[in-house]
Amino acid sequence: MQRNAVSGVPLSWEFSPVIVGVVLNHRHVMSPIEPGLIVLHSNRMEVLRDGLVQWLAGHPLDPLETDIITVQSNGIAQWLRSTLARTGADGGPGIAAALDTPMPSRLMWSLYRRVLGEAQVPESSPLDEQPLTWRLMRLLSNIAGRAVYAPLQRFLDDDADLRKRYQLAERLADLFDQYQVYRADWLADWEAGLDHLRGPGEPRALDADQLWQAALWRDILADVGPQAAALGRAGVHERFVEALRHWQASQGRPDLPRRIVVFGVSSLPRQSLEALIEAARWTQVLVCVHNPCEYHWADIVEGRSLLRSVKRHQQLKPGRPAELDEDSLHAQAHPLLASWGRQGRDYIALLEELEDESANQGSEPIPFMVAPAFAEVDETTMLGALQDDIRGLRSLADVKEAGRIAAAGDSSVHFHIAHSALREVEILHDQLLAAFNNDPELQPDDIIVMVPDIEQYAPYIEAVFGLYGPEDRRRIPYFIVDRGPGQVNT
């Protein structure tokens, strides 16, 4: 769907995932590197990847320009680079050069510095998590005797080796770092002496045992100095948005990259989305959204009343009522989507909401286009049937009525019970060997293995996968990403 840049009237576009390249190359949508916002939705990461590869190949930047693709993990970045480095039907141009794949937070800070100037925005903020940890280590030594800090002081009693103080400083630095991104409004109120929490309805006063949070934030700002708030992430973000919103053509083009891609990120905070949408006034922003369902599903989970989605980007499922009472919401959706889809739902709803807000602000509306590229899934396997039920927004009653029976020997979904992390990795190795044996076309770089904590599993991965030499048929090439710098031997 595309919005006319003058009238704001939504125009409907229908596209097939098979021709996703045509979706992004339609001559009436936008020229190759024209500023604006493009949102590509698909239920398959492979479709998003192929669409991105076609877009980059068909609309290359100048030879000395760098493509910026922000991702949420180094594993996804490696997967994209591998695709671009391959040639053929499933590959890219055969080279992955001039490509930067920063995490969202690093990308945002670099954009702030480029637009506002390096003199106005330091390379790192004194309120970033790491420097804030050590600042809090010092500040926590001075809280004794202050009644507001009694909850913290009770924790810090009997701390001769300062281990508790460091642990607390580390946790609080992470907490305030998250607040700067997700709840900058709370911090602004606390700075002004308003000890409450904003939310739906009227602000709610902080509980007595939580007043230390507001007091500690004011102590942090006082310790940093008069420019503390302006140097924090929330303050810099506010200046960035205002600068772009009121930027005049007579000032020339702001120092922004000509193209920014957001690929497969499961969720972005409001702050980051605001920055990207405002940047779209001057640069081309392509957002590739992994969306499991092709129909509107923003109201199938708890908190429907908190959403303000205008329901324009995704159609309602045929036969589904336009409005449902709360008791009927779960009956109209797949239970897994209702249970586990909250983060994705909120991300998509927030993206739509900010598009609406930005269209009514600034000197010119932001041109944008939404391209649905949903692919049908092979229903002959248990995994495929599950994915297709979610894509089609089928309720549990619909699934039961279909009466599918899993085929004998279907191995698309496995559950294994293991007594240790080492045994989990051994099972994984055995299952991968079986998969390679059953599918000669399957390659190691077609596989991504995800774990909740890579540092916990890395030693076992190295022990199991590194056991076999180059000549052993049981050897599986592997590469571990997302490890901390202190955990890697160089």
Protein backbone atom coordinates (compact mmCIF):
# COMPACT_ATOMS: atom_id res chain seq x y z
CA MET A 1 0.00 0.00 0.00
CA GLN A 2 1.28 3.46 -0.86
CA ARG A 3 0.24 6.84 0.42
CA ASN A 4 0.08 9.75 -1.99
CA ALA A 5 2.63 12.31 -0.79
CA VAL A 6 0.24 15.21 -1.41
CA SER A 7 -3.23 14.10 -0.45
CA GLY A 8 -2.38 11.34 2.00
CA VAL A 9 -4.97 9.07 0.33
CA PRO A 10 -3.94 5.39 0.67
CA LEU A 11 -3.70 3.56 -2.64
CA SER A 12 -4.00 -0.23 -2.69
CA TRP A 13 -1.29 -2.40 -4.25
CA GLU A 14 -1.45 -6.18 -4.57
CA PHE A 15 1.81 -8.09 -4.98
CA SER A 16 2.89 -11.69 -5.13
CA PRO A 17 5.82 -12.88 -2.99
CA VAL A 18 7.15 -14.64 -6.08
CA ILE A 19 7.82 -11.25 -7.67
CA VAL A 20 9.05 -9.45 -4.58
CA GLY A 21 11.66 -7.77 -6.74
CA VAL A 22 8.86 -6.25 -8.79
CA VAL A 23 7.24 -5.03 -5.58
CA LEU A 24 10.28 -2.94 -4.78
CA ASN A 25 10.99 -1.91 -8.35
CA HIS A 26 7.53 -0.74 -9.39
CA ARG A 27 8.09 2.36 -11.46
CA HIS A 28 5.19 4.20 -9.82
CA VAL A 29 6.45 3.64 -6.28
CA MET A 30 9.72 5.51 -6.03
CA SER A 31 12.90 5.93 -8.00
CA PRO A 32 16.03 3.92 -7.05
CA ILE A 33 17.42 5.98 -4.15
CA GLU A 34 14.58 8.43 -3.63
CA PRO A 35 13.95 9.37 0.04
CA GLY A 36 10.99 7.73 1.71
CA LEU A 37 9.91 4.77 3.80
CA ILE A 38 9.37 1.29 2.35
CA VAL A 39 8.00 -1.44 4.62
CA LEU A 40 8.19 -5.01 3.30
CA HIS A 41 6.16 -7.59 5.24
CA SER A 42 6.66 -11.33 4.84
CA ASN A 43 6.17 -14.48 6.85
CA ARG A 44 9.42 -15.92 5.45
CA MET A 45 12.87 -14.59 6.23
CA GLU A 46 14.02 -16.04 2.91
CA VAL A 47 11.54 -13.82 1.04
CA LEU A 48 12.76 -10.76 2.93
CA ARG A 49 16.35 -11.74 2.19
CA ASP A 50 15.70 -12.32 -1.52
CA GLY A 51 13.79 -9.06 -1.82
CA LEU A 52 16.64 -7.18 -0.18
CA VAL A 53 19.26 -8.85 -2.39
CA GLN A 54 17.28 -7.95 -5.53
CA TRP A 55 16.81 -4.38 -4.34
CA LEU A 56 20.52 -3.88 -3.58
CA ALA A 57 21.56 -5.50 -6.88
CA GLY A 58 19.06 -3.54 -8.95
CA HIS A 59 19.70 -0.19 -7.26
CA PRO A 60 23.36 -0.08 -6.23
CA LEU A 61 24.89 2.88 -4.47
CA ASP A 62 27.95 4.61 -5.85
CA PRO A 63 31.14 2.49 -5.71
CA LEU A 64 32.58 4.29 -2.67
CA GLU A 65 29.32 4.40 -0.70
CA THR A 66 28.57 1.90 2.05
CA ASP A 67 25.25 0.12 2.39
CA ILE A 68 23.97 0.19 5.96
CA ILE A 69 21.87 -2.79 7.08
CA THR A 70 20.98 -2.84 10.75
CA VAL A 71 20.28 -6.28 12.23
CA GLN A 72 19.56 -7.61 15.70
CA SER A 73 22.33 -10.19 15.81
CA ASN A 74 25.66 -10.98 14.22
CA GLY A 75 24.21 -14.32 13.11
CA ILE A 76 21.71 -12.59 10.82
CA ALA A 77 24.48 -10.30 9.54
CA GLN A 78 26.65 -13.32 8.70
CA TRP A 79 23.70 -15.00 6.94
CA LEU A 80 23.10 -11.92 4.77
CA ARG A 81 26.79 -11.56 3.92
CA SER A 82 26.95 -15.23 2.96
CA THR A 83 23.96 -14.81 0.62
CA LEU A 84 25.42 -11.72 -1.03
CA ALA A 85 28.76 -13.48 -1.49
CA ARG A 86 27.13 -16.35 -3.39
CA THR A 87 26.10 -16.30 -7.03
CA GLY A 88 23.30 -18.11 -8.79
CA ALA A 89 19.56 -18.41 -8.26
CA ASP A 90 19.78 -18.45 -4.46
CA GLY A 91 22.62 -16.01 -4.14
CA GLY A 92 23.53 -12.41 -4.72
CA PRO A 93 26.07 -10.54 -6.82
CA GLY A 94 28.93 -12.76 -5.66
CA ILE A 95 30.54 -10.17 -3.41
CA ALA A 96 29.71 -8.73 0.01
CA ALA A 97 31.76 -5.55 0.19
CA ALA A 98 31.07 -1.96 1.29
CA LEU A 99 28.50 -3.32 3.73
CA ASP A 100 28.06 -2.17 7.33
CA THR A 101 25.78 -4.20 9.62
CA PRO A 102 25.53 -2.29 12.91
CA MET A 103 23.21 -3.11 15.77
CA PRO A 104 20.30 -0.66 16.07
CA SER A 105 21.71 1.29 19.03
CA ARG A 106 25.06 1.91 17.30
CA LEU A 107 23.29 2.96 14.11
CA MET A 108 21.09 5.45 15.97
CA TRP A 109 24.03 7.09 17.74
CA SER A 110 25.98 7.40 14.48
CA LEU A 111 22.98 9.11 12.84
CA TYR A 112 22.72 11.52 15.77
CA ARG A 113 26.37 12.48 15.38
CA ARG A 114 26.13 12.93 11.62
CA VAL A 115 23.13 15.25 11.76
CA LEU A 116 23.85 17.23 14.94
CA GLY A 117 27.62 17.29 14.50
CA GLU A 118 30.40 15.51 16.34
CA ALA A 119 31.07 18.63 18.41
CA GLN A 120 27.51 18.48 19.79
CA VAL A 121 27.27 14.71 20.26
CA PRO A 122 30.22 12.89 21.89
CA GLU A 123 31.44 9.58 20.55
CA SER A 124 29.85 7.95 23.58
CA SER A 125 27.47 9.31 26.18
CA PRO A 126 28.43 9.59 29.86
CA LEU A 127 25.02 8.03 30.50
CA ASP A 128 25.77 4.90 28.46
CA GLU A 129 25.65 1.64 30.35
CA GLN A 130 29.39 1.01 30.76
CA PRO A 131 30.51 4.44 32.06
CA LEU A 132 27.33 4.68 34.10
CA THR A 133 28.23 1.45 35.92
CA TRP A 134 31.41 2.97 37.35
CA ARG A 135 29.71 6.28 38.11
CA LEU A 136 27.08 4.38 40.11
CA MET A 137 29.82 2.44 41.91
CA ARG A 138 31.01 5.76 43.29
CA LEU A 139 27.59 7.27 43.94
CA LEU A 140 26.36 4.22 45.82
CA SER A 141 29.12 4.72 48.37
CA ASN A 142 27.43 7.97 49.47
CA ILE A 143 23.85 6.82 50.05
CA ALA A 144 24.22 5.79 53.69
CA GLY A 145 21.97 7.79 56.01
CA ARG A 146 19.56 9.00 53.30
CA ALA A 147 16.10 7.62 54.00
CA VAL A 148 15.06 7.45 50.35
CA TYR A 149 17.87 4.95 49.68
CA ALA A 150 16.96 2.61 52.54
CA PRO A 151 15.90 -0.24 50.17
CA LEU A 152 19.30 -0.13 48.46
CA GLN A 153 21.21 0.20 51.72
CA ARG A 154 19.63 -2.97 53.08
CA PHE A 155 20.97 -4.86 50.07
CA LEU A 156 24.45 -3.31 50.44
CA ASP A 157 24.88 -4.26 54.10
CA ASP A 158 27.70 -6.74 54.76
CA ASP A 159 29.60 -5.93 51.55
CA ALA A 160 33.24 -5.84 52.60
CA ASP A 161 34.60 -6.85 49.18
CA LEU A 162 32.23 -4.45 47.29
CA ARG A 163 30.88 -7.31 45.22
CA LYS A 164 27.28 -6.42 46.03
CA ARG A 165 27.88 -2.78 45.17
CA TYR A 166 29.30 -3.67 41.76
CA GLN A 167 26.45 -6.09 41.03
CA LEU A 168 23.90 -3.43 41.97
CA ALA A 169 25.69 -0.73 39.95
CA GLU A 170 25.75 -3.02 36.92
CA ARG A 171 22.03 -3.81 37.18
CA LEU A 172 21.07 -0.18 37.75
CA ALA A 173 23.19 1.02 34.82
CA ASP A 174 21.37 -1.43 32.57
CA LEU A 175 18.02 -0.30 34.00
CA PHE A 176 18.68 3.41 33.39
CA ASP A 177 20.08 2.63 29.95
CA GLN A 178 16.78 0.92 29.08
CA TYR A 179 14.81 3.80 30.55
CA GLN A 180 16.62 6.24 28.24
CA VAL A 181 15.40 4.25 25.24
CA TYR A 182 11.95 3.07 26.28
CA ARG A 183 10.80 5.47 29.03
CA ALA A 184 12.48 8.81 28.40
CA ASP A 185 9.26 10.47 29.59
CA TRP A 186 9.74 9.00 33.06
CA LEU A 187 13.31 10.30 33.27
CA ALA A 188 12.24 13.78 32.14
CA ASP A 189 9.59 13.87 34.87
CA TRP A 190 12.03 12.67 37.52
CA GLU A 191 14.54 15.31 36.47
CA ALA A 192 11.80 17.92 36.97
CA GLY A 193 11.07 16.58 40.46
CA LEU A 194 7.87 14.76 39.50
CA ASP A 195 8.09 11.37 41.18
CA HIS A 196 5.46 9.55 39.17
CA LEU A 197 5.09 7.12 36.27
CA ARG A 198 3.25 7.97 33.09
CA GLY A 199 1.02 5.40 31.52
CA PRO A 200 -2.49 4.97 30.21
CA GLY A 201 -4.68 7.55 31.93
CA GLU A 202 -3.36 9.79 34.68
CA PRO A 203 0.26 9.54 35.93
CA ARG A 204 0.65 7.23 38.92
CA ALA A 205 2.78 8.22 41.92
CA LEU A 206 5.86 6.09 42.57
CA ASP A 207 5.47 3.62 45.41
CA ALA A 208 7.33 4.61 48.57
CA ASP A 209 9.87 1.80 48.15
CA GLN A 210 10.58 2.91 44.54
CA LEU A 211 11.23 6.62 45.19
CA TRP A 212 14.95 5.88 45.19
CA GLN A 213 14.86 5.48 41.40
CA ALA A 214 13.87 9.11 40.81
CA ALA A 215 16.28 10.34 43.49
CA LEU A 216 19.16 8.34 42.05
CA TRP A 217 18.50 9.64 38.52
CA ARG A 218 18.67 13.22 39.82
CA ASP A 219 21.92 12.40 41.63
CA ILE A 220 23.37 10.95 38.41
CA LEU A 221 22.49 14.09 36.43
CA ALA A 222 23.96 16.33 39.13
CA ASP A 223 27.16 14.29 39.10
CA VAL A 224 27.55 14.47 35.31
CA GLY A 225 26.99 18.22 35.23
CA PRO A 226 24.68 20.85 33.70
CA GLN A 227 24.72 19.25 30.23
CA ALA A 228 23.86 15.76 31.49
CA ALA A 229 20.33 15.54 30.14
CA ALA A 230 21.35 16.96 26.76
CA LEU A 231 24.15 14.38 26.44
CA GLY A 232 21.96 11.42 27.34
CA ARG A 233 20.34 9.29 24.69
CA ALA A 234 16.88 10.76 25.23
CA GLY A 235 18.09 14.36 24.99
CA VAL A 236 20.19 13.74 21.89
CA HIS A 237 17.29 11.91 20.25
CA GLU A 238 14.92 14.81 20.89
CA ARG A 239 17.34 17.28 19.30
CA PHE A 240 17.84 14.96 16.31
CA VAL A 241 14.11 14.63 15.62
CA GLU A 242 13.51 18.37 15.94
CA ALA A 243 16.45 19.15 13.66
CA LEU A 244 15.18 16.89 10.87
CA ARG A 245 11.57 17.89 11.30
CA HIS A 246 12.42 21.56 10.74
CA TRP A 247 15.31 21.12 8.30
CA GLN A 248 14.93 23.44 5.32
CA ALA A 249 15.99 22.63 1.77
CA SER A 250 18.00 25.86 1.78
CA GLN A 251 20.29 24.26 4.40
CA GLY A 252 21.27 21.57 1.92
CA ARG A 253 20.94 17.87 2.58
CA PRO A 254 21.65 16.67 6.15
CA ASP A 255 24.63 14.36 6.52
CA LEU A 256 22.68 11.11 6.31
CA PRO A 257 23.41 7.94 4.34
CA ARG A 258 21.38 7.73 1.13
CA ARG A 259 19.94 4.37 2.18
CA ILE A 260 19.30 2.60 5.48
CA VAL A 261 17.96 -0.95 5.72
CA VAL A 262 16.39 -2.51 8.82
CA PHE A 263 16.38 -6.27 8.29
CA GLY A 264 14.49 -8.86 10.31
CA VAL A 265 14.63 -6.95 13.60
CA SER A 266 11.88 -8.40 15.79
CA SER A 267 11.30 -5.18 17.70
CA LEU A 268 12.58 -1.62 17.83
CA PRO A 269 11.84 0.92 20.56
CA ARG A 270 9.67 3.91 19.74
CA GLN A 271 12.74 6.16 19.94
CA SER A 272 14.58 4.30 17.17
CA LEU A 273 11.52 4.12 14.91
CA GLU A 274 10.93 7.86 15.34
CA ALA A 275 14.51 8.56 14.29
CA LEU A 276 14.29 6.32 11.22
CA ILE A 277 10.97 7.75 10.08
CA GLU A 278 12.24 11.32 10.40
CA ALA A 279 15.42 10.33 8.53
CA ALA A 280 13.16 9.04 5.73
CA ARG A 281 12.47 12.66 4.80
CA TRP A 282 16.01 12.74 3.39
CA THR A 283 17.12 9.13 2.97
CA GLN A 284 15.59 5.91 1.72
CA VAL A 285 14.63 3.67 4.64
CA LEU A 286 13.76 0.06 3.82
CA VAL A 287 12.25 -1.88 6.74
CA CYS A 288 12.00 -5.65 6.22
CA VAL A 289 9.49 -6.92 8.80
CA HIS A 290 9.22 -10.60 9.64
CA ASN A 291 5.45 -10.79 10.10
CA PRO A 292 4.03 -14.29 10.73
CA CYS A 293 0.44 -13.44 9.73
CA GLU A 294 -0.85 -11.82 6.55
CA TYR A 295 -4.10 -10.61 8.14
CA HIS A 296 -4.65 -7.90 10.72
CA TRP A 297 -3.94 -9.47 14.10
CA ALA A 298 -3.29 -6.52 16.39
CA ASP A 299 -6.34 -7.21 18.56
CA ILE A 300 -6.01 -10.92 19.23
CA VAL A 301 -3.84 -10.65 22.35
CA GLU A 302 -4.25 -8.89 25.65
CA GLY A 303 -4.20 -5.13 25.70
CA ARG A 304 -6.34 -4.50 22.65
CA SER A 305 -7.60 -1.26 24.19
CA LEU A 306 -4.05 0.10 24.29
CA LEU A 307 -3.60 -0.15 20.55
CA ARG A 308 -4.33 2.69 18.18
CA SER A 309 -3.67 0.79 14.95
CA VAL A 310 -5.66 2.12 12.00
CA LYS A 311 -5.79 -1.35 10.39
CA ARG A 312 -4.82 -0.06 6.97
CA HIS A 313 -1.69 -2.10 6.24
CA GLN A 314 -3.19 -5.55 6.63
CA GLN A 315 -6.62 -6.68 5.56
CA LEU A 316 -9.07 -8.43 7.84
CA LYS A 317 -9.40 -12.16 7.34
CA PRO A 318 -12.45 -12.89 5.14
CA GLY A 319 -15.44 -13.83 7.28
CA ARG A 320 -13.97 -12.36 10.46
CA PRO A 321 -16.09 -9.70 12.20
CA ALA A 322 -14.67 -6.17 12.08
CA GLU A 323 -15.10 -5.81 15.84
CA LEU A 324 -15.05 -8.54 18.46
CA ASP A 325 -15.88 -8.56 22.14
CA GLU A 326 -12.95 -9.38 24.41
CA ASP A 327 -14.20 -12.91 25.13
CA SER A 328 -14.10 -13.72 21.39
CA LEU A 329 -10.59 -12.46 20.60
CA HIS A 330 -8.71 -15.70 21.22
CA ALA A 331 -11.35 -17.76 19.41
CA GLN A 332 -10.54 -15.90 16.18
CA ALA A 333 -6.80 -16.51 16.18
CA HIS A 334 -4.17 -19.20 16.42
CA PRO A 335 -3.37 -19.77 20.12
CA LEU A 336 0.41 -19.64 19.58
CA LEU A 337 0.13 -16.28 17.84
CA ALA A 338 -2.07 -15.00 20.66
CA SER A 339 0.34 -16.27 23.34
CA TRP A 340 3.72 -15.47 21.82
CA GLY A 341 2.99 -12.69 19.34
CA ARG A 342 2.84 -9.67 21.63
CA GLN A 343 6.27 -8.26 20.80
CA GLY A 344 5.76 -8.50 17.05
CA ARG A 345 2.24 -7.12 17.31
CA ASP A 346 3.37 -4.08 19.28
CA TYR A 347 6.25 -3.44 16.86
CA ILE A 348 3.99 -3.48 13.79
CA ALA A 349 1.32 -1.37 15.51
CA LEU A 350 3.92 1.17 16.65
CA LEU A 351 5.37 1.42 13.15
CA GLU A 352 1.93 2.21 11.75
CA GLU A 353 1.20 4.72 14.51
CA LEU A 354 4.43 6.64 13.95
CA GLU A 355 3.85 6.72 10.19
CA ASP A 356 0.53 8.46 10.88
CA GLU A 357 2.09 10.94 13.29
CA SER A 358 4.97 11.82 10.97
CA ALA A 359 2.64 12.29 8.00
CA ASN A 360 1.03 15.20 9.85
CA GLN A 361 4.25 16.85 11.05
CA GLY A 362 7.11 18.65 9.37
CA SER A 363 7.09 20.76 6.24
CA GLU A 364 6.36 17.85 3.86
CA PRO A 365 4.66 14.47 4.32
CA ILE A 366 6.97 11.47 4.20
CA PRO A 367 6.37 9.30 1.10
CA PHE A 368 5.95 5.68 2.08
CA MET A 369 4.96 2.36 0.58
CA VAL A 370 3.95 -0.91 2.24
CA ALA A 371 4.63 -4.10 0.26
CA PRO A 372 3.03 -7.36 1.48
CA ALA A 373 4.99 -10.39 0.29
CA PHE A 374 3.45 -13.33 2.13
CA ALA A 375 4.33 -16.79 0.89
CA GLU A 376 2.25 -19.94 1.14
CA VAL A 377 3.83 -22.73 3.14
CA ASP A 378 4.04 -26.43 2.33
CA GLU A 379 1.35 -27.95 4.56
CA THR A 380 2.49 -31.55 4.11
CA THR A 381 4.75 -31.38 7.18
CA MET A 382 3.80 -30.64 10.76
CA LEU A 383 5.99 -27.52 10.86
CA GLY A 384 4.62 -26.27 7.55
CA ALA A 385 1.04 -26.81 8.70
CA LEU A 386 1.72 -24.90 11.91
CA GLN A 387 3.33 -22.00 10.05
CA ASP A 388 0.50 -21.88 7.51
CA ASP A 389 -2.16 -21.87 10.24
CA ILE A 390 -0.48 -18.85 11.82
CA ARG A 391 -0.10 -17.15 8.43
CA GLY A 392 -3.80 -17.66 7.71
CA LEU A 393 -4.92 -16.58 11.22
CA ARG A 394 -6.71 -19.88 11.74
CA SER A 395 -8.29 -20.44 15.12
CA LEU A 396 -7.91 -23.63 17.13
CA ALA A 397 -11.42 -24.61 16.02
CA ASP A 398 -10.39 -24.16 12.37
CA VAL A 399 -7.28 -26.29 12.91
CA LYS A 400 -9.27 -29.08 14.56
CA GLU A 401 -11.88 -28.97 11.82
CA ALA A 402 -9.17 -29.41 9.17
CA GLY A 403 -8.34 -32.74 10.81
CA ARG A 404 -4.76 -32.92 9.59
CA ILE A 405 -2.86 -36.11 10.32
CA ALA A 406 0.92 -36.02 10.56
CA ALA A 407 2.61 -38.21 7.99
CA ALA A 408 4.58 -41.19 9.19
CA GLY A 409 8.22 -40.27 9.54
CA ASP A 410 7.54 -36.52 9.66
CA SER A 411 10.60 -35.06 11.37
CA SER A 412 9.90 -31.34 10.86
CA VAL A 413 9.29 -30.73 14.59
CA HIS A 414 11.44 -32.40 17.24
CA PHE A 415 11.38 -32.20 21.02
CA HIS A 416 14.40 -33.58 22.88
CA ILE A 417 14.92 -33.92 26.61
CA ALA A 418 18.56 -33.57 27.62
CA HIS A 419 20.18 -33.68 31.04
CA SER A 420 22.82 -31.01 30.29
CA ALA A 421 23.88 -28.34 27.82
CA LEU A 422 26.63 -30.66 26.56
CA ARG A 423 24.08 -33.36 25.76
CA GLU A 424 21.92 -30.77 23.96
CA VAL A 425 24.82 -29.93 21.65
CA GLU A 426 25.58 -33.62 21.05
CA ILE A 427 21.95 -34.18 20.03
CA LEU A 428 22.13 -31.15 17.75
CA HIS A 429 25.25 -32.53 16.05
CA ASP A 430 23.57 -35.91 15.48
CA GLN A 431 20.42 -34.30 14.09
CA LEU A 432 22.41 -32.11 11.70
CA LEU A 433 24.35 -35.12 10.41
CA ALA A 434 21.04 -36.88 9.75
CA ALA A 435 19.66 -33.79 7.96
CA PHE A 436 22.73 -33.56 5.70
CA ASN A 437 22.46 -37.26 4.94
CA ASN A 438 18.76 -36.98 4.01
CA ASP A 439 19.11 -33.83 1.88
CA PRO A 440 22.25 -33.70 -0.32
CA GLU A 441 21.47 -30.09 -1.34
CA LEU A 442 21.50 -28.84 2.25
CA GLN A 443 24.65 -26.83 3.07
CA PRO A 444 26.10 -25.76 6.44
CA ASP A 445 25.59 -22.07 5.63
CA ASP A 446 21.86 -22.75 5.19
CA ILE A 447 21.56 -23.39 8.92
CA ILE A 448 21.34 -21.00 11.86
CA VAL A 449 21.20 -22.42 15.38
CA MET A 450 19.84 -20.05 18.03
CA VAL A 451 20.36 -20.36 21.79
CA PRO A 452 19.26 -18.13 24.69
CA ASP A 453 22.81 -17.53 26.01
CA ILE A 454 25.68 -18.17 23.59
CA GLU A 455 28.33 -17.77 26.31
CA GLN A 456 26.86 -20.74 28.18
CA TYR A 457 26.84 -22.98 25.11
CA ALA A 458 30.02 -21.85 23.30
CA PRO A 459 32.46 -24.18 25.16
CA TYR A 460 30.24 -27.20 24.46
CA ILE A 461 29.82 -26.24 20.80
CA GLU A 462 33.60 -26.03 20.42
CA ALA A 463 34.06 -29.33 22.24
CA VAL A 464 31.52 -31.27 20.16
CA PHE A 465 31.79 -29.64 16.72
CA GLY A 466 35.56 -29.22 17.01
CA LEU A 467 36.13 -32.88 17.84
CA TYR A 468 36.44 -34.07 14.24
CA GLY A 469 39.27 -33.29 11.84
CA PRO A 470 38.97 -32.02 8.24
CA GLU A 471 39.02 -35.54 6.79
CA ASP A 472 36.34 -36.93 9.10
CA ARG A 473 32.90 -37.25 7.45
CA ARG A 474 31.30 -36.28 10.76
CA ARG A 475 32.92 -32.85 10.69
CA ILE A 476 30.44 -29.94 10.36
CA PRO A 477 31.92 -26.46 9.73
CA TYR A 478 30.65 -23.96 12.27
CA PHE A 479 31.08 -20.35 13.33
CA ILE A 480 29.99 -18.84 16.66
CA VAL A 481 28.75 -15.25 16.60
CA ASP A 482 27.51 -12.77 19.22
CA ARG A 483 30.23 -13.64 21.74
CA GLY A 484 31.61 -10.94 23.97
CA PRO A 485 35.13 -9.68 23.17
CA GLY A 486 36.43 -11.09 26.44
CA GLN A 487 35.31 -14.60 25.48
CA VAL A 488 37.13 -14.88 22.14
CA ASN A 489 40.74 -16.04 21.76
CA THR A 490 42.73 -13.86 19.35
